[in-house]
């Protein structure tokens, strides 16, 4: 009887030790994101987290916090850099004031299709990796938003029709566009878009069909002009110390899941573009091609912004644009 009690105690001790080892072996990461859980970027993040969970046998658990529920969009990069979150998704163009190269994909009409966007990404990626590394972070993958168009409550025929209008700005580039066309820029985060248009805080913006569909903008806005202005990228970044703390098999699994998520995300962006415009149309929004005058006006805006960007970005920016434009 004593022996069996001892055996039982020993077995229990081993079981507890085993449970403790398992608990220690499991790593939990928080992934803040700015967009609703139903947005294709957030869906891609959730699939990525599930892939990591499966590939590591539950050793690395990533929790996606969508809809700016953990950190607001402008706070995510700093949170990852400072280790408050181990991993996060950011809109690169939001950080143009920190480093001009972040905003290369937010330059109007530089890369105006998925093929061009991929070409720009390939030219930009080595620079992004180097910069993030210097800030204690790594780039895991990047996925573009669908092409940007102009939402407006009233019809527009040229840039002159945008003068004085309340224009939702979410990045330095979108604020600069407002200035160049004489609109009034107002800062509104993605999670607040619907309310801003419902209450008259914003009357127009340049954004993707996806953002409009997510926000049900057809309830407040009548027109969307398909300007194909640019395809800004969301990047998933990771704290380098958090990555280095993982064992090699877990690191490899994370990188493999990220590579798969990037491929899946680009495909999802293309599908979302088609689906979103169909949703906007079904909701009563008119999907229109820009007039020749509006096209010409916006092209001038793009040329001005490229010149301004090159002046800030210097040799690094020129090399990037040259690499992108190389046949």
C-alpha atoms as a PDB file:
ATOM      1  CA  UNK A   1       0.000   0.000   0.000  1.00  0.00           C
ATOM      2  CA  UNK A   2       2.854   2.381   0.942  1.00  0.00           C
ATOM      3  CA  UNK A   3       4.650   1.451  -2.243  1.00  0.00           C
ATOM      4  CA  UNK A   4       1.641   2.246  -4.366  1.00  0.00           C
ATOM      5  CA  UNK A   5       1.276   5.588  -2.639  1.00  0.00           C
ATOM      6  CA  UNK A   6       4.923   6.335  -3.372  1.00  0.00           C
ATOM      7  CA  UNK A   7       4.471   5.210  -6.958  1.00  0.00           C
ATOM      8  CA  UNK A   8       1.404   7.390  -7.245  1.00  0.00           C
ATOM      9  CA  UNK A   9       3.253  10.383  -5.775  1.00  0.00           C
ATOM     10  CA  UNK A  10       6.168   9.852  -8.148  1.00  0.00           C
ATOM     11  CA  UNK A  11       3.857   9.527 -11.140  1.00  0.00           C
ATOM     12  CA  UNK A  12       2.034  12.675 -10.073  1.00  0.00           C
ATOM     13  CA  UNK A  13       5.298  14.575  -9.714  1.00  0.00           C
ATOM     14  CA  UNK A  14       6.353  13.509 -13.204  1.00  0.00           C
ATOM     15  CA  UNK A  15       2.968  14.497 -14.597  1.00  0.00           C
ATOM     16  CA  UNK A  16       3.181  17.939 -13.006  1.00  0.00           C
ATOM     17  CA  UNK A  17       6.747  18.347 -14.285  1.00  0.00           C
ATOM     18  CA  UNK A  18       5.576  17.335 -17.745  1.00  0.00           C
ATOM     19  CA  UNK A  19       2.722  19.852 -17.632  1.00  0.00           C
ATOM     20  CA  UNK A  20       5.124  22.589 -16.515  1.00  0.00           C
ATOM     21  CA  UNK A  21       7.510  21.767 -19.353  1.00  0.00           C
ATOM     22  CA  UNK A  22       4.635  21.944 -21.836  1.00  0.00           C
ATOM     23  CA  UNK A  23       3.503  25.300 -20.437  1.00  0.00           C
ATOM     24  CA  UNK A  24       7.019  26.715 -20.670  1.00  0.00           C
ATOM     25  CA  UNK A  25       7.459  25.405 -24.222  1.00  0.00           C
ATOM     26  CA  UNK A  26       4.343  27.207 -25.484  1.00  0.00           C
ATOM     27  CA  UNK A  27       4.935  30.779 -26.643  1.00  0.00           C
ATOM     28  CA  UNK A  28       2.045  33.233 -26.976  1.00  0.00           C
ATOM     29  CA  UNK A  29       2.179  36.260 -29.258  1.00  0.00           C
ATOM     30  CA  UNK A  30      -0.278  39.138 -29.720  1.00  0.00           C
ATOM     31  CA  UNK A  31      -0.871  40.456 -33.233  1.00  0.00           C
ATOM     32  CA  UNK A  32      -2.638  43.856 -33.323  1.00  0.00           C
ATOM     33  CA  UNK A  33      -4.335  44.829 -36.618  1.00  0.00           C
ATOM     34  CA  UNK A  34      -6.294  47.924 -37.609  1.00  0.00           C
ATOM     35  CA  UNK A  35      -9.080  46.466 -39.742  1.00  0.00           C
ATOM     36  CA  UNK A  36     -12.307  44.549 -39.030  1.00  0.00           C
ATOM     37  CA  UNK A  37     -12.097  40.780 -38.516  1.00  0.00           C
ATOM     38  CA  UNK A  38     -13.996  40.273 -41.789  1.00  0.00           C
ATOM     39  CA  UNK A  39     -11.535  42.334 -43.863  1.00  0.00           C
ATOM     40  CA  UNK A  40      -9.406  40.183 -46.195  1.00  0.00           C
ATOM     41  CA  UNK A  41      -6.182  41.356 -44.502  1.00  0.00           C
ATOM     42  CA  UNK A  42      -7.515  40.221 -41.113  1.00  0.00           C
ATOM     43  CA  UNK A  43      -8.754  36.934 -42.580  1.00  0.00           C
ATOM     44  CA  UNK A  44      -5.270  36.350 -44.052  1.00  0.00           C
ATOM     45  CA  UNK A  45      -3.747  37.081 -40.618  1.00  0.00           C
ATOM     46  CA  UNK A  46      -6.055  34.562 -38.928  1.00  0.00           C
ATOM     47  CA  UNK A  47      -5.206  31.880 -41.505  1.00  0.00           C
ATOM     48  CA  UNK A  48      -1.512  32.684 -41.018  1.00  0.00           C
ATOM     49  CA  UNK A  49      -1.858  32.309 -37.223  1.00  0.00           C
ATOM     50  CA  UNK A  50      -3.679  28.984 -37.685  1.00  0.00           C
ATOM     51  CA  UNK A  51      -0.927  27.739 -40.031  1.00  0.00           C
ATOM     52  CA  UNK A  52       1.732  28.644 -37.460  1.00  0.00           C
ATOM     53  CA  UNK A  53      -0.229  26.862 -34.714  1.00  0.00           C
ATOM     54  CA  UNK A  54      -0.522  23.677 -36.813  1.00  0.00           C
ATOM     55  CA  UNK A  55       3.046  23.724 -38.117  1.00  0.00           C
ATOM     56  CA  UNK A  56       4.526  24.178 -34.634  1.00  0.00           C
ATOM     57  CA  UNK A  57       2.210  21.696 -32.937  1.00  0.00           C
ATOM     58  CA  UNK A  58       0.824  24.491 -30.766  1.00  0.00           C
ATOM     59  CA  UNK A  59       4.259  25.681 -29.595  1.00  0.00           C
ATOM     60  CA  UNK A  60       3.648  29.176 -31.008  1.00  0.00           C
ATOM     61  CA  UNK A  61       0.169  30.631 -30.528  1.00  0.00           C
ATOM     62  CA  UNK A  62      -0.575  33.941 -32.275  1.00  0.00           C
ATOM     63  CA  UNK A  63      -3.731  35.827 -31.246  1.00  0.00           C
ATOM     64  CA  UNK A  64      -5.009  38.307 -33.853  1.00  0.00           C
ATOM     65  CA  UNK A  65      -6.571  41.456 -32.343  1.00  0.00           C
ATOM     66  CA  UNK A  66      -8.527  42.930 -35.276  1.00  0.00           C
ATOM     67  CA  UNK A  67     -10.399  46.250 -35.531  1.00  0.00           C
ATOM     68  CA  UNK A  68      -7.761  48.305 -33.666  1.00  0.00           C
ATOM     69  CA  UNK A  69      -8.905  46.555 -30.470  1.00  0.00           C
ATOM     70  CA  UNK A  70      -5.414  46.307 -28.958  1.00  0.00           C
ATOM     71  CA  UNK A  71      -3.585  49.263 -30.540  1.00  0.00           C
ATOM     72  CA  UNK A  72      -4.755  51.927 -32.992  1.00  0.00           C
ATOM     73  CA  UNK A  73      -3.239  51.839 -36.490  1.00  0.00           C
ATOM     74  CA  UNK A  74      -0.553  54.523 -35.910  1.00  0.00           C
ATOM     75  CA  UNK A  75       0.542  52.847 -32.634  1.00  0.00           C
ATOM     76  CA  UNK A  76       1.147  49.307 -33.920  1.00  0.00           C
ATOM     77  CA  UNK A  77       4.643  49.756 -35.351  1.00  0.00           C
ATOM     78  CA  UNK A  78       5.950  51.308 -32.131  1.00  0.00           C
ATOM     79  CA  UNK A  79       4.237  48.592 -30.074  1.00  0.00           C
ATOM     80  CA  UNK A  80       6.058  45.876 -32.032  1.00  0.00           C
ATOM     81  CA  UNK A  81       9.350  47.763 -31.900  1.00  0.00           C
ATOM     82  CA  UNK A  82       9.040  48.236 -28.135  1.00  0.00           C
ATOM     83  CA  UNK A  83       7.912  44.656 -27.496  1.00  0.00           C
ATOM     84  CA  UNK A  84       4.403  45.516 -26.217  1.00  0.00           C
ATOM     85  CA  UNK A  85       3.259  43.279 -29.091  1.00  0.00           C
ATOM     86  CA  UNK A  86       5.533  40.641 -30.601  1.00  0.00           C
ATOM     87  CA  UNK A  87       4.057  40.933 -34.089  1.00  0.00           C
ATOM     88  CA  UNK A  88       1.709  43.335 -35.880  1.00  0.00           C
ATOM     89  CA  UNK A  89       0.271  44.521 -39.177  1.00  0.00           C
ATOM     90  CA  UNK A  90       0.934  48.075 -40.373  1.00  0.00           C
ATOM     91  CA  UNK A  91       0.109  50.177 -43.414  1.00  0.00           C
ATOM     92  CA  UNK A  92       3.582  51.146 -44.614  1.00  0.00           C
ATOM     93  CA  UNK A  93       2.485  54.479 -46.136  1.00  0.00           C
ATOM     94  CA  UNK A  94       1.438  55.640 -42.648  1.00  0.00           C
ATOM     95  CA  UNK A  95       5.107  55.973 -41.703  1.00  0.00           C
ATOM     96  CA  UNK A  96       6.272  58.237 -44.549  1.00  0.00           C
ATOM     97  CA  UNK A  97       7.359  60.899 -42.054  1.00  0.00           C
ATOM     98  CA  UNK A  98       9.787  58.428 -40.460  1.00  0.00           C
ATOM     99  CA  UNK A  99      11.379  57.311 -43.731  1.00  0.00           C
ATOM    100  CA  UNK A 100      10.273  58.199 -47.291  1.00  0.00           C
ATOM    101  CA  UNK A 101      10.792  54.650 -48.650  1.00  0.00           C
ATOM    102  CA  UNK A 102       7.905  53.413 -46.484  1.00  0.00           C
ATOM    103  CA  UNK A 103       5.604  55.526 -48.674  1.00  0.00           C
ATOM    104  CA  UNK A 104       6.852  54.441 -52.106  1.00  0.00           C
ATOM    105  CA  UNK A 105       3.700  52.399 -52.714  1.00  0.00           C
ATOM    106  CA  UNK A 106       1.544  55.393 -51.710  1.00  0.00           C
ATOM    107  CA  UNK A 107       2.770  57.585 -54.547  1.00  0.00           C
ATOM    108  CA  UNK A 108      -0.196  58.197 -56.861  1.00  0.00           C
ATOM    109  CA  UNK A 109       0.033  56.543 -60.288  1.00  0.00           C
ATOM    110  CA  UNK A 110       3.593  55.214 -59.845  1.00  0.00           C
ATOM    111  CA  UNK A 111       2.433  51.581 -59.619  1.00  0.00           C
ATOM    112  CA  UNK A 112      -1.183  51.368 -60.778  1.00  0.00           C
ATOM    113  CA  UNK A 113      -1.860  47.631 -61.214  1.00  0.00           C
ATOM    114  CA  UNK A 114      -1.157  44.387 -59.344  1.00  0.00           C
ATOM    115  CA  UNK A 115       1.728  43.516 -61.684  1.00  0.00           C
ATOM    116  CA  UNK A 116       3.275  46.955 -61.211  1.00  0.00           C
ATOM    117  CA  UNK A 117       2.687  46.753 -57.448  1.00  0.00           C
ATOM    118  CA  UNK A 118       4.577  43.446 -57.271  1.00  0.00           C
ATOM    119  CA  UNK A 119       7.423  44.916 -59.300  1.00  0.00           C
ATOM    120  CA  UNK A 120       7.628  47.857 -56.899  1.00  0.00           C
ATOM    121  CA  UNK A 121       7.523  45.523 -53.888  1.00  0.00           C
ATOM    122  CA  UNK A 122      10.455  43.490 -55.222  1.00  0.00           C
ATOM    123  CA  UNK A 123      12.494  46.690 -55.628  1.00  0.00           C
ATOM    124  CA  UNK A 124      11.419  48.016 -52.225  1.00  0.00           C
ATOM    125  CA  UNK A 125      11.724  44.812 -50.155  1.00  0.00           C
ATOM    126  CA  UNK A 126      15.531  44.744 -49.559  1.00  0.00           C
ATOM    127  CA  UNK A 127      15.377  48.363 -48.367  1.00  0.00           C
ATOM    128  CA  UNK A 128      12.446  47.599 -46.060  1.00  0.00           C
ATOM    129  CA  UNK A 129      14.244  44.590 -44.576  1.00  0.00           C
ATOM    130  CA  UNK A 130      17.388  46.619 -43.897  1.00  0.00           C
ATOM    131  CA  UNK A 131      15.489  49.522 -42.311  1.00  0.00           C
ATOM    132  CA  UNK A 132      13.284  47.330 -40.109  1.00  0.00           C
ATOM    133  CA  UNK A 133      16.349  45.373 -38.993  1.00  0.00           C
ATOM    134  CA  UNK A 134      17.996  48.632 -37.864  1.00  0.00           C
ATOM    135  CA  UNK A 135      14.856  49.289 -35.775  1.00  0.00           C
ATOM    136  CA  UNK A 136      14.919  45.844 -34.131  1.00  0.00           C
ATOM    137  CA  UNK A 137      12.233  44.296 -36.370  1.00  0.00           C
ATOM    138  CA  UNK A 138      11.799  41.936 -39.307  1.00  0.00           C
ATOM    139  CA  UNK A 139       9.481  41.951 -42.314  1.00  0.00           C
ATOM    140  CA  UNK A 140       7.480  38.715 -42.502  1.00  0.00           C
ATOM    141  CA  UNK A 141       5.236  39.461 -45.484  1.00  0.00           C
ATOM    142  CA  UNK A 142       3.316  42.228 -47.252  1.00  0.00           C
ATOM    143  CA  UNK A 143      -0.031  42.316 -49.070  1.00  0.00           C
ATOM    144  CA  UNK A 144      -1.468  45.221 -51.090  1.00  0.00           C
ATOM    145  CA  UNK A 145      -4.846  46.826 -50.792  1.00  0.00           C
ATOM    146  CA  UNK A 146      -6.924  46.843 -53.968  1.00  0.00           C
ATOM    147  CA  UNK A 147      -6.414  49.852 -56.277  1.00  0.00           C
ATOM    148  CA  UNK A 148      -7.471  53.185 -54.796  1.00  0.00           C
ATOM    149  CA  UNK A 149     -10.346  55.248 -56.127  1.00  0.00           C
ATOM    150  CA  UNK A 150     -12.140  58.425 -55.067  1.00  0.00           C
ATOM    151  CA  UNK A 151     -15.281  58.230 -52.928  1.00  0.00           C
ATOM    152  CA  UNK A 152     -17.450  61.322 -53.025  1.00  0.00           C
ATOM    153  CA  UNK A 153     -20.953  62.355 -52.018  1.00  0.00           C
ATOM    154  CA  UNK A 154     -21.378  64.477 -55.141  1.00  0.00           C
ATOM    155  CA  UNK A 155     -20.333  63.910 -58.776  1.00  0.00           C
ATOM    156  CA  UNK A 156     -16.934  65.261 -59.789  1.00  0.00           C
ATOM    157  CA  UNK A 157     -15.581  65.999 -63.249  1.00  0.00           C
ATOM    158  CA  UNK A 158     -12.198  67.499 -62.389  1.00  0.00           C
ATOM    159  CA  UNK A 159      -9.976  68.202 -59.381  1.00  0.00           C
ATOM    160  CA  UNK A 160     -11.600  71.640 -59.117  1.00  0.00           C
ATOM    161  CA  UNK A 161     -14.784  69.902 -57.907  1.00  0.00           C
ATOM    162  CA  UNK A 162     -12.880  68.700 -54.838  1.00  0.00           C
ATOM    163  CA  UNK A 163     -11.997  72.215 -53.672  1.00  0.00           C
ATOM    164  CA  UNK A 164     -13.045  72.830 -50.061  1.00  0.00           C
ATOM    165  CA  UNK A 165     -14.509  69.328 -49.644  1.00  0.00           C
ATOM    166  CA  UNK A 166     -13.832  67.462 -46.356  1.00  0.00           C
ATOM    167  CA  UNK A 167     -11.349  64.782 -47.426  1.00  0.00           C
ATOM    168  CA  UNK A 168     -10.548  61.812 -45.188  1.00  0.00           C
ATOM    169  CA  UNK A 169      -6.779  61.519 -44.813  1.00  0.00           C
ATOM    170  CA  UNK A 170      -5.166  58.429 -43.272  1.00  0.00           C
ATOM    171  CA  UNK A 171      -1.528  58.948 -44.272  1.00  0.00           C
ATOM    172  CA  UNK A 172       0.825  61.814 -45.164  1.00  0.00           C
ATOM    173  CA  UNK A 173       0.288  61.007 -48.869  1.00  0.00           C
ATOM    174  CA  UNK A 174      -3.508  61.234 -48.709  1.00  0.00           C
ATOM    175  CA  UNK A 175      -3.233  64.485 -46.734  1.00  0.00           C
ATOM    176  CA  UNK A 176      -0.899  65.911 -49.399  1.00  0.00           C
ATOM    177  CA  UNK A 177      -3.327  64.961 -52.184  1.00  0.00           C
ATOM    178  CA  UNK A 178      -6.008  66.936 -50.338  1.00  0.00           C
ATOM    179  CA  UNK A 179      -3.732  69.972 -50.190  1.00  0.00           C
ATOM    180  CA  UNK A 180      -2.850  69.770 -53.882  1.00  0.00           C
ATOM    181  CA  UNK A 181      -6.496  69.609 -55.013  1.00  0.00           C
ATOM    182  CA  UNK A 182      -7.637  72.237 -52.496  1.00  0.00           C
ATOM    183  CA  UNK A 183      -9.653  69.828 -50.316  1.00  0.00           C
ATOM    184  CA  UNK A 184      -9.789  70.029 -46.516  1.00  0.00           C
ATOM    185  CA  UNK A 185      -7.933  67.034 -44.980  1.00  0.00           C
ATOM    186  CA  UNK A 186      -9.444  65.400 -41.873  1.00  0.00           C
ATOM    187  CA  UNK A 187      -7.722  62.482 -40.130  1.00  0.00           C
ATOM    188  CA  UNK A 188     -10.031  59.472 -39.801  1.00  0.00           C
ATOM    189  CA  UNK A 189      -8.890  55.931 -38.958  1.00  0.00           C
ATOM    190  CA  UNK A 190     -10.311  52.926 -40.840  1.00  0.00           C
ATOM    191  CA  UNK A 191     -12.464  51.842 -37.883  1.00  0.00           C
ATOM    192  CA  UNK A 192     -14.182  55.263 -37.850  1.00  0.00           C
ATOM    193  CA  UNK A 193     -14.839  55.736 -41.584  1.00  0.00           C
ATOM    194  CA  UNK A 194     -18.556  54.909 -41.567  1.00  0.00           C
ATOM    195  CA  UNK A 195     -19.308  57.241 -38.669  1.00  0.00           C
ATOM    196  CA  UNK A 196     -17.244  60.046 -40.231  1.00  0.00           C
ATOM    197  CA  UNK A 197     -19.227  59.935 -43.476  1.00  0.00           C
ATOM    198  CA  UNK A 198     -22.547  59.468 -41.658  1.00  0.00           C
ATOM    199  CA  UNK A 199     -21.988  62.586 -39.536  1.00  0.00           C
ATOM    200  CA  UNK A 200     -20.473  64.784 -42.264  1.00  0.00           C
ATOM    201  CA  UNK A 201     -16.982  64.824 -40.738  1.00  0.00           C
ATOM    202  CA  UNK A 202     -15.798  63.476 -44.126  1.00  0.00           C
ATOM    203  CA  UNK A 203     -17.363  63.893 -47.578  1.00  0.00           C
ATOM    204  CA  UNK A 204     -14.727  62.335 -49.786  1.00  0.00           C
ATOM    205  CA  UNK A 205     -11.615  60.144 -49.649  1.00  0.00           C
ATOM    206  CA  UNK A 206      -9.271  58.136 -51.779  1.00  0.00           C
ATOM    207  CA  UNK A 207      -9.413  54.476 -50.764  1.00  0.00           C
ATOM    208  CA  UNK A 208     -10.035  50.958 -52.004  1.00  0.00           C
ATOM    209  CA  UNK A 209     -13.358  49.315 -52.769  1.00  0.00           C
ATOM    210  CA  UNK A 210     -12.586  46.991 -49.857  1.00  0.00           C
ATOM    211  CA  UNK A 211     -12.604  49.834 -47.302  1.00  0.00           C
ATOM    212  CA  UNK A 212     -15.900  51.112 -48.677  1.00  0.00           C
ATOM    213  CA  UNK A 213     -17.519  47.686 -48.571  1.00  0.00           C
ATOM    214  CA  UNK A 214     -16.253  47.027 -45.009  1.00  0.00           C
ATOM    215  CA  UNK A 215     -17.688  50.355 -43.866  1.00  0.00           C
ATOM    216  CA  UNK A 216     -20.956  50.022 -45.852  1.00  0.00           C
ATOM    217  CA  UNK A 217     -20.203  53.415 -47.364  1.00  0.00           C
ATOM    218  CA  UNK A 218     -22.992  52.943 -49.906  1.00  0.00           C
ATOM    219  CA  UNK A 219     -25.286  54.018 -47.049  1.00  0.00           C
ATOM    220  CA  UNK A 220     -23.693  57.482 -47.030  1.00  0.00           C
ATOM    221  CA  UNK A 221     -21.791  57.974 -50.311  1.00  0.00           C
ATOM    222  CA  UNK A 222     -23.123  57.894 -53.860  1.00  0.00           C
ATOM    223  CA  UNK A 223     -20.032  57.768 -56.126  1.00  0.00           C
ATOM    224  CA  UNK A 224     -16.724  55.913 -56.473  1.00  0.00           C
ATOM    225  CA  UNK A 225     -14.315  56.857 -59.287  1.00  0.00           C
ATOM    226  CA  UNK A 226     -11.983  54.043 -60.347  1.00  0.00           C
ATOM    227  CA  UNK A 227      -8.739  56.033 -60.617  1.00  0.00           C
ATOM    228  CA  UNK A 228      -6.440  52.994 -59.952  1.00  0.00           C
ATOM    229  CA  UNK A 229      -4.247  55.473 -58.094  1.00  0.00           C
ATOM    230  CA  UNK A 230      -2.005  53.104 -56.137  1.00  0.00           C
ATOM    231  CA  UNK A 231      -1.962  49.810 -54.233  1.00  0.00           C
ATOM    232  CA  UNK A 232      -0.569  50.533 -50.758  1.00  0.00           C
ATOM    233  CA  UNK A 233       0.748  47.549 -48.815  1.00  0.00           C
ATOM    234  CA  UNK A 234       0.061  46.278 -45.318  1.00  0.00           C
ATOM    235  CA  UNK A 235       3.180  44.665 -43.868  1.00  0.00           C
ATOM    236  CA  UNK A 236       3.348  42.088 -41.096  1.00  0.00           C
ATOM    237  CA  UNK A 237       6.352  42.867 -38.920  1.00  0.00           C
ATOM    238  CA  UNK A 238       7.841  40.993 -35.981  1.00  0.00           C
ATOM    239  CA  UNK A 239      10.000  42.037 -33.043  1.00  0.00           C
ATOM    240  CA  UNK A 240      13.498  40.656 -33.719  1.00  0.00           C
ATOM    241  CA  UNK A 241      14.163  39.675 -30.087  1.00  0.00           C
ATOM    242  CA  UNK A 242      10.868  37.758 -29.971  1.00  0.00           C
ATOM    243  CA  UNK A 243      11.785  35.977 -33.222  1.00  0.00           C
ATOM    244  CA  UNK A 244      15.313  35.178 -32.027  1.00  0.00           C
ATOM    245  CA  UNK A 245      13.883  33.656 -28.826  1.00  0.00           C
ATOM    246  CA  UNK A 246      12.111  30.969 -30.880  1.00  0.00           C
ATOM    247  CA  UNK A 247      13.854  27.676 -31.594  1.00  0.00           C
ATOM    248  CA  UNK A 248      14.978  27.032 -35.182  1.00  0.00           C
ATOM    249  CA  UNK A 249      12.094  24.703 -36.199  1.00  0.00           C
ATOM    250  CA  UNK A 250       9.557  27.267 -34.920  1.00  0.00           C
ATOM    251  CA  UNK A 251      11.323  30.097 -36.770  1.00  0.00           C
ATOM    252  CA  UNK A 252      11.274  28.046 -39.975  1.00  0.00           C
ATOM    253  CA  UNK A 253       7.579  27.243 -39.537  1.00  0.00           C
ATOM    254  CA  UNK A 254       6.797  30.936 -38.983  1.00  0.00           C
ATOM    255  CA  UNK A 255       8.699  32.010 -42.109  1.00  0.00           C
ATOM    256  CA  UNK A 256       7.050  29.285 -44.214  1.00  0.00           C
ATOM    257  CA  UNK A 257       3.574  30.312 -42.979  1.00  0.00           C
ATOM    258  CA  UNK A 258       4.422  33.956 -43.768  1.00  0.00           C
ATOM    259  CA  UNK A 259       5.516  33.110 -47.332  1.00  0.00           C
ATOM    260  CA  UNK A 260       2.278  31.174 -47.870  1.00  0.00           C
ATOM    261  CA  UNK A 261       0.220  34.031 -46.376  1.00  0.00           C
ATOM    262  CA  UNK A 262       1.805  36.509 -48.777  1.00  0.00           C
ATOM    263  CA  UNK A 263       0.832  34.449 -51.841  1.00  0.00           C
ATOM    264  CA  UNK A 264      -2.664  33.886 -50.452  1.00  0.00           C
ATOM    265  CA  UNK A 265      -3.014  37.554 -49.494  1.00  0.00           C
ATOM    266  CA  UNK A 266      -2.207  38.890 -52.974  1.00  0.00           C
ATOM    267  CA  UNK A 267      -4.774  36.504 -54.475  1.00  0.00           C
ATOM    268  CA  UNK A 268      -7.318  37.560 -51.827  1.00  0.00           C
ATOM    269  CA  UNK A 269      -6.691  41.233 -52.614  1.00  0.00           C
ATOM    270  CA  UNK A 270      -7.527  40.670 -56.295  1.00  0.00           C
ATOM    271  CA  UNK A 271     -10.684  38.738 -55.435  1.00  0.00           C
ATOM    272  CA  UNK A 272     -11.683  41.338 -52.837  1.00  0.00           C
ATOM    273  CA  UNK A 273     -11.338  44.113 -55.398  1.00  0.00           C
ATOM    274  CA  UNK A 274     -13.908  42.433 -57.683  1.00  0.00           C
ATOM    275  CA  UNK A 275     -16.216  41.395 -54.825  1.00  0.00           C
ATOM    276  CA  UNK A 276     -16.073  44.786 -53.071  1.00  0.00           C
ATOM    277  CA  UNK A 277     -17.022  46.788 -56.140  1.00  0.00           C
ATOM    278  CA  UNK A 278     -19.943  44.404 -56.698  1.00  0.00           C
ATOM    279  CA  UNK A 279     -21.067  44.997 -53.080  1.00  0.00           C
ATOM    280  CA  UNK A 280     -20.821  48.775 -53.455  1.00  0.00           C
ATOM    281  CA  UNK A 281     -22.838  48.622 -56.672  1.00  0.00           C
ATOM    282  CA  UNK A 282     -25.459  46.350 -55.096  1.00  0.00           C
ATOM    283  CA  UNK A 283     -25.751  48.859 -52.223  1.00  0.00           C
ATOM    284  CA  UNK A 284     -26.591  51.619 -54.672  1.00  0.00           C
ATOM    285  CA  UNK A 285     -23.211  53.253 -55.235  1.00  0.00           C
ATOM    286  CA  UNK A 286     -22.281  54.286 -58.763  1.00  0.00           C
ATOM    287  CA  UNK A 287     -18.914  52.870 -59.900  1.00  0.00           C
ATOM    288  CA  UNK A 288     -17.575  55.290 -62.491  1.00  0.00           C
ATOM    289  CA  UNK A 289     -14.537  55.793 -64.679  1.00  0.00           C
ATOM    290  CA  UNK A 290     -12.841  59.161 -64.104  1.00  0.00           C
ATOM    291  CA  UNK A 291     -13.262  61.803 -66.811  1.00  0.00           C
ATOM    292  CA  UNK A 292     -10.278  62.738 -68.982  1.00  0.00           C
ATOM    293  CA  UNK A 293     -10.024  66.026 -67.051  1.00  0.00           C
ATOM    294  CA  UNK A 294      -9.996  64.281 -63.654  1.00  0.00           C
ATOM    295  CA  UNK A 295      -7.412  61.765 -64.907  1.00  0.00           C
ATOM    296  CA  UNK A 296      -5.164  64.566 -66.165  1.00  0.00           C
ATOM    297  CA  UNK A 297      -5.528  66.539 -62.930  1.00  0.00           C
ATOM    298  CA  UNK A 298      -4.699  63.529 -60.764  1.00  0.00           C
ATOM    299  CA  UNK A 299      -1.723  62.643 -62.992  1.00  0.00           C
ATOM    300  CA  UNK A 300      -0.329  66.130 -62.288  1.00  0.00           C
ATOM    301  CA  UNK A 301      -0.829  65.529 -58.562  1.00  0.00           C
ATOM    302  CA  UNK A 302       1.117  62.280 -58.936  1.00  0.00           C
ATOM    303  CA  UNK A 303       3.988  63.967 -60.776  1.00  0.00           C
ATOM    304  CA  UNK A 304       4.212  66.701 -58.133  1.00  0.00           C
ATOM    305  CA  UNK A 305       4.224  64.179 -55.297  1.00  0.00           C
ATOM    306  CA  UNK A 306       6.843  61.985 -56.971  1.00  0.00           C
ATOM    307  CA  UNK A 307       9.142  65.006 -57.388  1.00  0.00           C
ATOM    308  CA  UNK A 308       8.603  65.983 -53.741  1.00  0.00           C
ATOM    309  CA  UNK A 309       9.200  62.415 -52.606  1.00  0.00           C
ATOM    310  CA  UNK A 310      12.424  62.089 -54.600  1.00  0.00           C
ATOM    311  CA  UNK A 311      13.710  65.323 -53.047  1.00  0.00           C
ATOM    312  CA  UNK A 312      13.199  63.776 -49.592  1.00  0.00           C
ATOM    313  CA  UNK A 313      14.227  60.213 -50.435  1.00  0.00           C
ATOM    314  CA  UNK A 314      17.471  61.270 -52.142  1.00  0.00           C
ATOM    315  CA  UNK A 315      19.747  58.699 -53.799  1.00  0.00           C
ATOM    316  CA  UNK A 316      17.986  55.821 -52.042  1.00  0.00           C
ATOM    317  CA  UNK A 317      14.630  56.889 -53.499  1.00  0.00           C
ATOM    318  CA  UNK A 318      16.042  57.490 -56.971  1.00  0.00           C
ATOM    319  CA  UNK A 319      17.670  54.040 -56.977  1.00  0.00           C
ATOM    320  CA  UNK A 320      14.349  52.485 -55.953  1.00  0.00           C
ATOM    321  CA  UNK A 321      12.362  54.244 -58.698  1.00  0.00           C
ATOM    322  CA  UNK A 322      15.051  53.422 -61.281  1.00  0.00           C
ATOM    323  CA  UNK A 323      14.978  49.731 -60.257  1.00  0.00           C
ATOM    324  CA  UNK A 324      11.187  49.720 -60.459  1.00  0.00           C
ATOM    325  CA  UNK A 325      11.126  51.365 -63.895  1.00  0.00           C
ATOM    326  CA  UNK A 326      13.827  49.112 -65.323  1.00  0.00           C
ATOM    327  CA  UNK A 327      12.307  46.966 -68.139  1.00  0.00           C
END
